[in-house]
Protein backbone atom coordinates (compact mmCIF):
# COMPACT_ATOMS: atom_id res chain seq x y z
CA UNK A 1 -0.04 0.03 -0.06
CA UNK A 2 3.03 2.24 0.52
CA UNK A 3 4.02 2.00 -2.88
CA UNK A 4 0.44 3.26 -4.06
CA UNK A 5 0.75 5.99 -1.90
CA UNK A 6 4.23 7.06 -3.29
CA UNK A 7 2.99 6.58 -6.84
CA UNK A 8 -0.22 8.78 -6.10
CA UNK A 9 2.14 11.24 -4.74
CA UNK A 10 4.47 11.15 -7.69
CA UNK A 11 1.64 11.53 -10.10
CA UNK A 12 0.46 14.75 -8.18
CA UNK A 13 4.12 15.99 -8.69
CA UNK A 14 4.31 15.30 -12.44
CA UNK A 15 0.86 17.21 -12.89
CA UNK A 16 2.05 20.09 -11.03
CA UNK A 17 5.41 20.02 -13.02
CA UNK A 18 3.38 19.93 -16.43
CA UNK A 19 1.50 22.75 -15.31
CA UNK A 20 4.35 24.81 -14.34
CA UNK A 21 6.02 23.91 -17.83
CA UNK A 22 2.76 25.21 -19.52
CA UNK A 23 3.18 28.25 -17.60
CA UNK A 24 6.74 28.79 -18.62
CA UNK A 25 5.98 28.21 -22.28
CA UNK A 26 3.81 30.84 -22.04
CA UNK A 27 1.48 29.78 -25.07
CA UNK A 28 -0.95 32.72 -24.69
CA UNK A 29 2.16 35.28 -24.37
CA UNK A 30 0.54 36.82 -21.12
CA UNK A 31 3.90 36.39 -18.93
CA UNK A 32 5.92 37.88 -21.69
CA UNK A 33 3.61 40.82 -22.13
CA UNK A 34 3.35 41.36 -18.06
CA UNK A 35 7.33 41.38 -18.15
CA UNK A 36 7.58 43.97 -21.00
CA UNK A 37 5.35 46.27 -19.47
CA UNK A 38 7.05 46.08 -16.22
CA UNK A 39 10.67 46.38 -17.95
CA UNK A 40 10.24 49.67 -19.95
CA UNK A 41 12.17 52.68 -19.59
CA UNK A 42 9.78 55.12 -18.29
CA UNK A 43 8.10 54.88 -14.93
CA UNK A 44 9.34 51.57 -13.88
CA UNK A 45 8.91 51.75 -10.09
CA UNK A 46 5.51 53.52 -10.82
CA UNK A 47 4.36 50.44 -12.71
CA UNK A 48 5.82 47.92 -10.49
CA UNK A 49 3.86 49.74 -7.13
CA UNK A 50 0.74 49.82 -9.27
CA UNK A 51 0.85 46.00 -9.95
CA UNK A 52 1.80 45.49 -6.32
CA UNK A 53 -0.93 47.50 -5.05
CA UNK A 54 -3.50 45.64 -7.27
CA UNK A 55 -2.27 42.28 -5.82
CA UNK A 56 -2.91 43.36 -2.22
CA UNK A 57 -6.09 44.50 -2.91
CA UNK A 58 -7.19 41.28 -4.76
CA UNK A 59 -6.08 39.30 -1.48
CA UNK A 60 -7.65 41.75 0.58
CA UNK A 61 -11.15 41.01 -0.78
CA UNK A 62 -10.31 37.42 -0.83
CA UNK A 63 -8.27 36.48 2.23
CA UNK A 64 -9.18 32.82 2.27
CA UNK A 65 -6.48 32.26 -0.53
CA UNK A 66 -3.67 31.92 1.45
CA UNK A 67 -0.75 30.98 -0.62
CA UNK A 68 2.07 31.91 1.76
CA UNK A 69 2.02 28.43 3.82
CA UNK A 70 3.30 25.33 2.36
CA UNK A 71 0.83 22.44 1.87
CA UNK A 72 0.56 19.81 4.50
CA UNK A 73 1.12 16.61 3.11
CA UNK A 74 0.58 14.35 5.83
CA UNK A 75 -2.98 13.54 5.24
CA UNK A 76 -2.33 12.44 1.61
CA UNK A 77 0.49 10.01 2.99
CA UNK A 78 -1.98 8.65 5.56
CA UNK A 79 -4.49 8.35 2.89
CA UNK A 80 -5.47 4.63 2.44
CA UNK A 81 -5.31 3.87 -1.44
CA UNK A 82 -8.31 1.89 -3.00
CA UNK A 83 -6.78 -1.20 -5.10
CA UNK A 84 -9.40 -3.70 -6.51
CA UNK A 85 -8.46 -7.07 -6.99
CA UNK A 86 -11.05 -9.90 -7.78
CA UNK A 87 -11.33 -13.15 -5.81
CA UNK A 88 -9.36 -14.78 -8.01
CA UNK A 89 -6.37 -12.64 -8.01
CA UNK A 90 -5.64 -13.06 -4.36
CA UNK A 91 -4.66 -9.66 -3.52
CA UNK A 92 -2.53 -9.51 -6.50
CA UNK A 93 -0.88 -12.91 -6.18
CA UNK A 94 -2.45 -14.66 -9.13
CA UNK A 95 -3.89 -13.91 -12.35
CA UNK A 96 -7.47 -14.12 -13.48
CA UNK A 97 -7.31 -14.89 -17.07
CA UNK A 98 -10.61 -16.90 -16.91
CA UNK A 99 -12.48 -14.75 -19.10
CA UNK A 100 -9.77 -14.58 -21.61
CA UNK A 101 -9.74 -17.92 -21.38
CA UNK A 102 -12.97 -18.72 -22.58
CA UNK A 103 -12.56 -15.93 -25.25
CA UNK A 104 -9.73 -17.75 -26.78
CA UNK A 105 -11.47 -20.89 -26.75
CA UNK A 106 -14.49 -19.41 -28.53
CA UNK A 107 -12.14 -17.99 -31.21
CA UNK A 108 -9.95 -21.38 -31.47
CA UNK A 109 -13.37 -23.18 -31.89
CA UNK A 110 -14.58 -20.91 -34.54
CA UNK A 111 -11.39 -21.66 -36.76
CA UNK A 112 -11.28 -25.19 -36.17
CA UNK A 113 -14.66 -25.62 -37.27
CA UNK A 114 -13.82 -23.87 -40.41
CA UNK A 115 -16.77 -21.38 -40.65
CA UNK A 116 -14.73 -18.55 -42.43
CA UNK A 117 -14.68 -16.49 -39.19
CA UNK A 118 -18.41 -16.31 -38.55
CA UNK A 119 -19.56 -16.21 -34.87
CA UNK A 120 -20.11 -19.24 -33.10
CA UNK A 121 -22.35 -19.32 -30.21
CA UNK A 122 -22.56 -21.97 -27.57
CA UNK A 123 -25.02 -24.70 -28.82
CA UNK A 124 -24.82 -23.93 -32.75
CA UNK A 125 -23.95 -27.20 -34.72
CA UNK A 126 -22.12 -28.03 -37.88
CA UNK A 127 -22.49 -31.23 -39.61
CA UNK A 128 -19.18 -33.08 -40.17
CA UNK A 129 -18.37 -35.62 -43.09
CA UNK A 130 -19.15 -38.77 -41.05
CA UNK A 131 -22.46 -37.34 -39.64
CA UNK A 132 -20.96 -36.33 -36.36
CA UNK A 133 -21.82 -32.87 -34.95
CA UNK A 134 -19.48 -30.47 -33.59
CA UNK A 135 -20.70 -27.83 -31.14
CA UNK A 136 -19.21 -25.73 -28.01
CA UNK A 137 -20.71 -26.17 -25.06
CA UNK A 138 -21.64 -23.36 -22.25
CA UNK A 139 -18.19 -24.11 -20.78
CA UNK A 140 -16.31 -23.13 -24.00
CA UNK A 141 -15.24 -26.77 -24.42
CA UNK A 142 -15.64 -28.46 -27.99
CA UNK A 143 -17.88 -31.41 -27.49
CA UNK A 144 -18.03 -33.75 -30.42
CA UNK A 145 -21.66 -35.87 -30.12
CA UNK A 146 -21.87 -38.99 -32.29
CA UNK A 147 -24.48 -38.41 -35.21
CA UNK A 148 -26.14 -40.80 -37.67
CA UNK A 149 -24.05 -43.41 -38.83
CA UNK A 150 -21.08 -42.39 -36.83
CA UNK A 151 -18.93 -45.18 -35.09
CA UNK A 152 -17.75 -42.85 -32.37
CA UNK A 153 -18.87 -43.07 -28.58
CA UNK A 154 -21.12 -40.59 -27.61
CA UNK A 155 -20.23 -37.69 -25.57
CA UNK A 156 -16.39 -37.93 -26.36
CA UNK A 157 -14.77 -34.67 -25.20
CA UNK A 158 -11.57 -32.80 -26.26
CA UNK A 159 -10.65 -30.14 -23.71
CA UNK A 160 -8.08 -27.26 -23.51
CA UNK A 161 -7.58 -26.91 -19.77
CA UNK A 162 -7.05 -23.77 -18.21
CA UNK A 163 -3.76 -25.00 -17.02
CA UNK A 164 -2.48 -25.37 -20.52
CA UNK A 165 -3.72 -22.08 -21.26
CA UNK A 166 -1.71 -20.25 -18.62
CA UNK A 167 1.13 -22.16 -19.85
CA UNK A 168 0.99 -21.02 -23.66
CA UNK A 169 -1.16 -18.01 -23.39
CA UNK A 170 2.07 -15.84 -24.57
CA UNK A 171 2.98 -18.68 -27.36
CA UNK A 172 1.40 -18.02 -30.59
CA UNK A 173 3.34 -20.32 -32.59
CA UNK A 174 0.88 -22.89 -32.91
CA UNK A 175 -1.91 -20.76 -34.71
CA UNK A 176 -2.16 -20.48 -38.40
CA UNK A 177 -1.58 -17.24 -40.29
CA UNK A 178 -5.29 -17.02 -40.97
CA UNK A 179 -6.30 -17.19 -37.20
CA UNK A 180 -3.57 -14.74 -36.48
CA UNK A 181 -4.71 -12.05 -38.92
CA UNK A 182 -8.49 -12.20 -37.94
CA UNK A 183 -10.00 -9.43 -36.50
CA UNK A 184 -11.20 -11.34 -33.53
CA UNK A 185 -7.71 -12.30 -32.62
CA UNK A 186 -6.52 -8.82 -32.86
CA UNK A 187 -9.41 -7.98 -30.22
CA UNK A 188 -8.44 -10.50 -28.21
CA UNK A 189 -4.46 -9.59 -27.98
CA UNK A 190 -5.53 -6.18 -27.22
CA UNK A 191 -7.94 -7.38 -24.49
CA UNK A 192 -5.11 -9.57 -23.00
CA UNK A 193 -2.32 -6.98 -23.21
CA UNK A 194 -4.53 -4.70 -21.34
CA UNK A 195 -5.27 -7.03 -18.45
CA UNK A 196 -1.64 -7.75 -18.09
CA UNK A 197 -0.51 -4.28 -17.99
CA UNK A 198 -3.43 -3.19 -15.62
CA UNK A 199 -2.62 -6.02 -13.26
CA UNK A 200 1.33 -5.09 -13.45
CA UNK A 201 0.42 -1.43 -12.53
CA UNK A 202 -1.66 -2.65 -9.28
CA UNK A 203 1.06 -4.93 -7.94
CA UNK A 204 3.98 -2.87 -9.19
CA UNK A 205 3.08 0.79 -8.94
CA UNK A 206 6.58 2.01 -8.90
CA UNK A 207 7.71 0.37 -12.01
CA UNK A 208 8.20 2.17 -15.26
CA UNK A 209 5.64 0.10 -17.46
CA UNK A 210 5.13 2.48 -20.37
CA UNK A 211 8.80 3.09 -20.40
CA UNK A 212 9.38 -0.57 -20.81
CA UNK A 213 7.01 -0.85 -23.56
CA UNK A 214 8.26 1.99 -25.69
CA UNK A 215 11.75 0.36 -25.51
CA UNK A 216 9.83 -2.70 -26.81
CA UNK A 217 8.56 -0.91 -29.69
CA UNK A 218 11.92 0.71 -30.54
CA UNK A 219 13.50 -2.81 -30.59
CA UNK A 220 10.56 -4.29 -32.70
CA UNK A 221 10.70 -1.73 -35.48
CA UNK A 222 14.06 -2.77 -37.00
CA UNK A 223 13.32 -6.53 -36.38
CA UNK A 224 9.97 -6.28 -38.29
CA UNK A 225 11.73 -4.38 -41.38
CA UNK A 226 14.50 -6.72 -41.50
CA UNK A 227 11.85 -9.78 -41.06
CA UNK A 228 13.71 -11.29 -38.11
CA UNK A 229 10.40 -12.12 -36.05
CA UNK A 230 9.57 -15.70 -35.84
CA UNK A 231 6.38 -16.40 -37.75
CA UNK A 232 6.56 -13.05 -39.57
CA UNK A 233 9.55 -13.47 -41.72
CA UNK A 234 7.62 -12.34 -44.92
CA UNK A 235 6.20 -9.04 -42.88
CA UNK A 236 2.57 -10.14 -43.12
CA UNK A 237 2.64 -10.50 -46.77
CA UNK A 238 2.07 -14.19 -47.06
CA UNK A 239 -1.58 -14.69 -46.30
CA UNK A 240 -2.68 -14.33 -49.68
CA UNK A 241 -4.60 -17.08 -51.06
CA UNK A 242 -2.57 -19.94 -53.09
CA UNK A 243 -3.02 -20.46 -56.84
CA UNK A 244 -3.42 -24.20 -56.68
CA UNK A 245 -5.19 -26.79 -54.46
CA UNK A 246 -3.41 -29.98 -55.27
CA UNK A 247 -6.61 -31.48 -56.98
CA UNK A 248 -6.94 -32.03 -60.65
CA UNK A 249 -10.39 -30.71 -61.25
CA UNK A 250 -10.25 -31.94 -65.06
CA UNK A 251 -10.56 -35.34 -63.92
CA UNK A 252 -14.21 -34.94 -62.25
CA UNK A 253 -17.31 -34.28 -64.37
CA UNK A 254 -19.33 -33.01 -61.81
CA UNK A 255 -19.67 -31.67 -57.98
CA UNK A 256 -20.94 -34.83 -57.00
CA UNK A 257 -18.07 -36.86 -58.34
CA UNK A 258 -16.26 -34.65 -55.94
CA UNK A 259 -18.24 -35.65 -52.92
CA UNK A 260 -16.49 -39.05 -53.15
CA UNK A 261 -13.30 -37.75 -51.82
CA UNK A 262 -14.87 -37.08 -48.70
CA UNK A 263 -15.38 -33.93 -46.46
CA UNK A 264 -11.87 -34.09 -44.99
CA UNK A 265 -9.84 -33.87 -48.17
CA UNK A 266 -12.31 -30.96 -49.60
CA UNK A 267 -11.70 -29.10 -46.40
CA UNK A 268 -7.84 -29.37 -46.88
CA UNK A 269 -8.21 -28.52 -50.53
CA UNK A 270 -10.36 -25.27 -49.73
CA UNK A 271 -8.12 -24.46 -46.82
CA UNK A 272 -4.96 -24.47 -48.97
CA UNK A 273 -6.64 -21.91 -51.50
CA UNK A 274 -7.86 -19.84 -48.55
CA UNK A 275 -11.60 -20.50 -49.40
CA UNK A 276 -14.20 -20.81 -46.59
CA UNK A 277 -14.12 -24.53 -45.83
CA UNK A 278 -17.23 -24.82 -43.53
CA UNK A 279 -20.80 -26.53 -44.27
CA UNK A 280 -21.80 -29.88 -45.79
CA UNK A 281 -19.95 -32.18 -47.91
CA UNK A 282 -22.18 -31.18 -50.77
CA UNK A 283 -21.58 -27.43 -50.14
CA UNK A 284 -17.76 -27.86 -49.81
CA UNK A 285 -17.68 -29.75 -53.21
CA UNK A 286 -19.87 -27.03 -55.14
CA UNK A 287 -17.63 -24.35 -53.69
CA UNK A 288 -14.51 -26.24 -55.17
CA UNK A 289 -16.11 -26.98 -58.36
CA UNK A 290 -16.39 -23.36 -58.86
CA UNK A 291 -12.82 -23.25 -59.61
CA UNK A 292 -13.22 -25.69 -62.64
CA UNK A 293 -14.61 -22.78 -64.89
CA UNK A 294 -13.49 -19.58 -62.83
CA UNK A 295 -9.87 -18.79 -62.22
CA UNK A 296 -9.14 -17.98 -58.41
CA UNK A 297 -8.32 -14.37 -59.10
CA UNK A 298 -11.56 -14.13 -60.99
CA UNK A 299 -13.69 -15.51 -58.00
CA UNK A 300 -16.28 -13.70 -55.87
CA UNK A 301 -14.51 -12.03 -52.72
CA UNK A 302 -17.39 -13.63 -50.61
CA UNK A 303 -15.85 -17.18 -51.19
CA UNK A 304 -12.70 -16.58 -49.53
CA UNK A 305 -12.28 -16.88 -45.75
CA UNK A 306 -11.77 -14.09 -43.41
CA UNK A 307 -8.08 -13.03 -43.03
CA UNK A 308 -7.13 -13.93 -46.47
CA UNK A 309 -6.41 -11.44 -49.25
CA UNK A 310 -7.87 -12.82 -52.35
CA UNK A 311 -5.19 -12.75 -55.50
CA UNK A 312 -7.32 -9.87 -57.22
CA UNK A 313 -7.04 -7.59 -54.11
CA UNK A 314 -3.64 -8.64 -53.30
CA UNK A 315 -2.26 -6.83 -56.41
CA UNK A 316 -3.75 -3.69 -55.42
CA UNK A 317 -1.08 -1.44 -53.51
CA UNK A 318 -3.71 -0.03 -50.88
CA UNK A 319 -4.90 -3.72 -50.20
CA UNK A 320 -1.22 -4.70 -49.68
CA UNK A 321 -0.25 -1.80 -47.40
CA UNK A 322 -3.61 -2.35 -45.37
CA UNK A 323 -2.58 -6.07 -45.02
CA UNK A 324 0.93 -5.12 -43.95
CA UNK A 325 -0.48 -2.60 -41.58
CA UNK A 326 -2.60 -5.02 -39.79
CA UNK A 327 0.01 -8.00 -39.62
CA UNK A 328 2.12 -5.16 -38.22
CA UNK A 329 -0.21 -4.28 -35.45
CA UNK A 330 -0.64 -8.02 -34.65
CA UNK A 331 2.79 -9.02 -34.46
CA UNK A 332 3.51 -5.91 -32.08
CA UNK A 333 0.88 -6.96 -29.77
CA UNK A 334 2.26 -10.41 -29.57
CA UNK A 335 5.76 -9.25 -28.73
CA UNK A 336 4.35 -7.02 -26.16
CA UNK A 337 2.14 -9.90 -24.67
CA UNK A 338 5.46 -11.76 -24.33
CA UNK A 339 7.39 -9.27 -22.58
CA UNK A 340 4.52 -8.97 -20.10
CA UNK A 341 4.75 -12.63 -19.53
CA UNK A 342 8.55 -12.45 -18.68
CA UNK A 343 7.89 -9.39 -16.31
CA UNK A 344 4.93 -11.38 -14.55
CA UNK A 345 6.64 -14.88 -14.88
CA UNK A 346 6.81 -15.65 -11.11
CA UNK A 347 2.94 -14.62 -10.77
CA UNK A 348 1.99 -17.11 -13.81
CA UNK A 349 4.19 -19.90 -11.83
CA UNK A 350 2.08 -19.20 -8.77
CA UNK A 351 -1.09 -19.28 -10.71
CA UNK A 352 -0.44 -22.45 -12.18
CA UNK A 353 0.36 -23.87 -8.89
CA UNK A 354 -2.73 -22.41 -7.26
CA UNK A 355 -4.66 -23.86 -10.29
CA UNK A 356 -3.55 -27.43 -9.61
CA UNK A 357 -4.18 -27.20 -5.77
CA UNK A 358 -7.61 -25.63 -6.39
CA UNK A 359 -8.58 -28.68 -8.53
CA UNK A 360 -8.37 -30.73 -4.79
CA UNK A 361 -9.88 -28.09 -2.71
CA UNK A 362 -13.55 -27.52 -1.52
CA UNK A 363 -15.19 -24.26 -1.45
CA UNK A 364 -15.10 -24.15 2.25
CA UNK A 365 -11.08 -24.42 2.07
CA UNK A 366 -10.88 -21.89 -0.79
CA UNK A 367 -12.86 -19.01 1.43
CA UNK A 368 -10.54 -19.85 4.46
CA UNK A 369 -7.67 -19.40 2.26
CA UNK A 370 -8.56 -16.13 1.08
CA UNK A 371 -9.48 -14.94 4.41
CA UNK A 372 -6.09 -16.04 5.46
CA UNK A 373 -4.45 -14.15 2.62
CA UNK A 374 -6.27 -11.00 3.37
CA UNK A 375 -5.34 -11.13 7.24
CA UNK A 376 -1.65 -11.66 6.39
CA UNK A 377 -2.00 -8.59 4.13
CA UNK A 378 -3.46 -6.46 6.93
CA UNK A 379 -1.22 -7.71 10.01
CA UNK A 380 2.01 -5.80 8.76
CA UNK A 381 -0.08 -2.52 8.90
CA UNK A 382 -1.23 -3.14 12.55
CA UNK A 383 2.44 -3.87 13.54
CA UNK A 384 3.53 -0.67 12.09
CA UNK A 385 1.05 1.29 14.17
CA UNK A 386 2.58 -0.27 17.33
CA UNK A 387 6.13 0.03 16.33
CA UNK A 388 6.85 2.94 19.01
CA UNK A 389 8.30 1.33 22.30
CA UNK A 390 9.14 3.48 25.32
CA UNK A 391 12.95 3.06 25.93
CA UNK A 392 14.47 5.90 28.04
CA UNK A 393 17.47 3.86 28.74
CA UNK A 394 18.12 2.73 25.43
CA UNK A 395 18.24 -0.95 26.51
CA UNK A 396 18.67 -3.73 24.10
CA UNK A 397 15.67 -5.23 22.68
CA UNK A 398 14.62 -8.90 23.35
CA UNK A 399 13.25 -11.65 21.08
CA UNK A 400 9.58 -9.89 21.37
CA UNK A 401 10.70 -6.68 20.35
CA UNK A 402 10.73 -4.96 23.81
CA UNK A 403 13.66 -3.75 25.92
CA UNK A 404 15.17 -6.29 28.30
CA UNK A 405 14.66 -6.00 31.96
CA UNK A 406 17.38 -3.63 33.49
CA UNK A 407 18.57 -6.33 36.11
CA UNK A 408 19.32 -8.60 33.16
CA UNK A 409 21.19 -5.94 31.37
CA UNK A 410 23.34 -5.21 34.62
CA UNK A 411 24.08 -8.91 34.85
CA UNK A 412 25.42 -9.49 31.45
CA UNK A 413 27.40 -6.08 31.93
CA UNK A 414 25.88 -4.66 28.93
CA UNK A 415 26.75 -1.15 30.50
CA UNK A 416 30.35 -2.02 29.97
CA UNK A 417 31.95 -0.29 26.76
CA UNK A 418 34.98 -2.35 25.13
CA UNK A 419 36.77 -0.46 22.40
CA UNK A 420 39.04 -2.08 20.24
CA UNK A 421 41.40 -0.21 18.21
CA UNK A 422 42.23 -2.76 15.92
CA UNK A 423 38.55 -2.91 14.70
CA UNK A 424 38.56 1.02 14.00
CA UNK A 425 37.88 1.86 17.63
CA UNK A 426 34.37 0.03 17.62
CA UNK A 427 32.56 -0.38 20.79
CA UNK A 428 31.48 -3.68 22.01
CA UNK A 429 29.12 -3.64 24.94
CA UNK A 430 29.28 -6.57 27.46
CA UNK A 431 32.02 -8.82 28.08
CA UNK A 432 30.43 -11.67 25.98
CA UNK A 433 30.52 -9.63 22.83
CA UNK A 434 33.85 -8.33 23.38
CA UNK A 435 35.43 -11.89 23.74
CA UNK A 436 33.33 -13.07 20.69
CA UNK A 437 34.53 -10.38 18.46
CA UNK A 438 38.08 -11.53 18.14
CA UNK A 439 36.86 -14.34 15.85
CA UNK A 440 34.68 -12.06 13.97
CA UNK A 441 35.30 -10.93 10.24
CA UNK A 442 35.90 -7.06 11.36
CA UNK A 443 38.99 -8.11 13.83
CA UNK A 444 40.23 -10.74 11.43
CA UNK A 445 40.11 -8.20 8.70
CA UNK A 446 42.31 -5.47 11.14
CA UNK A 447 44.65 -8.02 11.83
CA UNK A 448 45.28 -9.09 8.18
CA UNK A 449 45.55 -5.38 7.49
CA UNK A 450 48.57 -5.24 9.95
CA UNK A 451 50.09 -8.51 8.53
CA UNK A 452 49.47 -10.25 11.70
CA UNK A 453 47.85 -13.87 12.20
CA UNK A 454 45.04 -13.74 14.20
CA UNK A 455 45.97 -16.63 16.57
CA UNK A 456 45.57 -17.29 20.36
CA UNK A 457 48.52 -15.41 21.20
CA UNK A 458 46.97 -12.24 20.25
CA UNK A 459 43.64 -12.84 22.48
CA UNK A 460 42.76 -9.70 24.40
CA UNK A 461 45.20 -7.67 22.33
CA UNK A 462 43.38 -4.59 20.95
CA UNK A 463 46.09 -1.97 20.56
CA UNK A 464 47.82 -1.63 17.45
CA UNK A 465 51.21 -1.12 19.05
CA UNK A 466 50.87 -3.91 21.35
CA UNK A 467 50.15 -6.39 18.59
CA UNK A 468 52.85 -5.45 16.59
CA UNK A 469 55.33 -5.23 19.35
CA UNK A 470 54.20 -8.71 20.24
CA UNK A 471 54.40 -9.96 16.72
CA UNK A 472 58.12 -8.68 16.54
CA UNK A 473 59.04 -10.50 19.65
CA UNK A 474 57.63 -13.78 18.54
CA UNK A 475 59.35 -13.58 15.05
CA UNK A 476 62.58 -12.81 17.13
CA UNK A 477 62.35 -16.11 18.97
CA UNK A 478 61.32 -17.75 15.99
CA UNK A 479 64.74 -17.10 14.40
CA UNK A 480 66.53 -19.00 17.09
CA UNK A 481 69.80 -16.81 17.26
CA UNK A 482 72.16 -17.27 20.29
CA UNK A 483 72.10 -14.55 22.74
CA UNK A 484 74.47 -14.38 25.88
CA UNK A 485 71.23 -13.93 28.13
CA UNK A 486 70.34 -17.40 27.04
CA UNK A 487 73.37 -19.10 28.63
CA UNK A 488 72.19 -21.55 31.18
CA UNK A 489 74.26 -23.07 34.36
CA UNK A 490 73.61 -25.94 36.58
CA UNK A 491 74.53 -26.09 40.32
CA UNK A 492 75.76 -29.66 42.25
CA UNK A 493 72.13 -30.42 43.10
CA UNK A 494 71.08 -30.16 39.33
CA UNK A 495 69.35 -27.07 39.56
CA UNK A 496 69.56 -24.97 36.22
CA UNK A 497 69.90 -21.13 36.35
CA UNK A 498 70.49 -18.52 33.88
CA UNK A 499 73.85 -16.84 34.06
CA UNK A 500 72.73 -13.83 35.67
CA UNK A 501 70.81 -15.77 38.65
CA UNK A 502 73.67 -17.98 38.87
CA UNK A 503 76.31 -15.30 39.40
CA UNK A 504 74.09 -13.57 41.95
CA UNK A 505 73.61 -16.78 44.11
CA UNK A 506 77.21 -17.68 43.80
CA UNK A 507 78.34 -14.08 45.12
CA UNK A 508 76.24 -14.27 47.94
CA UNK A 509 77.59 -17.81 48.72
CA UNK A 510 74.13 -19.73 48.43
CA UNK A 511 75.73 -21.99 45.77
């Protein structure tokens, strides 16, 4: 919520800055005229005081407009921003793509039934070649029902699950060019991109999304011109109808003979030519039979599927430029959707995990999980209100965030300060922290900077001079050179003395 408050305040600052820029640009030239009027050679001071008198009279008439004091931003910072999330979004943790999923299913099923882009509603049926009926149920899934003469089992279903859609909604490589250049698909992409951007702005209010999308457009332009986008190498100019279907129509004498090929083969031939391929077997054969006497470039536009440019229209420059512009718009939308999927990759992964988990949950468990998520979001704000703790003695805080008892503070000697010169005069409070710091990184780094190993010999040494002197002494002993002071003597009883001690005892007559 704090990010949304900051975002709102930044928007207000930017609006004020734009208004100031508009004033400084002085489009109506009122500011320049006023400056020129005050900057004349004659009666400069008289004009200035006349203007000052007008301002004073204005504020005397309207005393409530006091502009001398700065605005108080405290209420704005305490204002609770209102951010709306659906139940499926879980306060911004998951995506809610159910509406777009159903929209994609309808679009996909329309293309698969081969009706040339006609809108297909739930429950509208189309006869297939074997008498089966394909329809779209109320849930958006394509259901194949056994018709007359069909050997298939009734009620078999072919489903495209929501989990699969979450995995591949940003991957458009499996769609045909005819599907991608249709008007319905372009509208679907715009709706998908709009939702992803809106969700990202609600969850990441401080992110510069518009700048990111602008950068995507800049990188898209040269790649499009060079034909480097996968699936759009021809820059959208390859969706014209082909000139041949792969069938020798001269070998048939009538449209009835074409029906022998079957609905599947006729549908394949019509699709390869860019013609509408829906309807019964008889209608498909009649539509293909038109090419027997009529060239493809002379065929009426109504026989071509949506999204396919007839050869006659493809030769026109206006139609070609319109087709290229539409293809470029679709390709740009696809690139932006893929970029948003990259930005929301973690949210997509969490959404897929939620969908898997939700399949095994009851309604009560879902409601309990949603209530727990809301409580989790609201809990930090309640803790922020109780952050202030009265601690006049500056006692250390315990595990519960409250000051420890004063007797415990004295018991552990936390009122005693130990400074270590090797650690940069860092202070350690309490004997325990002081002894522990000799093995910590700060002390080890200081000893390493002095070129001295940090071992047990330097324990309790905190002065730099003491450490250097001790290190020189250790190095001298390690050399093993003979010194007169190192000479030892032994008396008659076998006692060993240094030379100085032996001479003193002998001089006193004790040995």
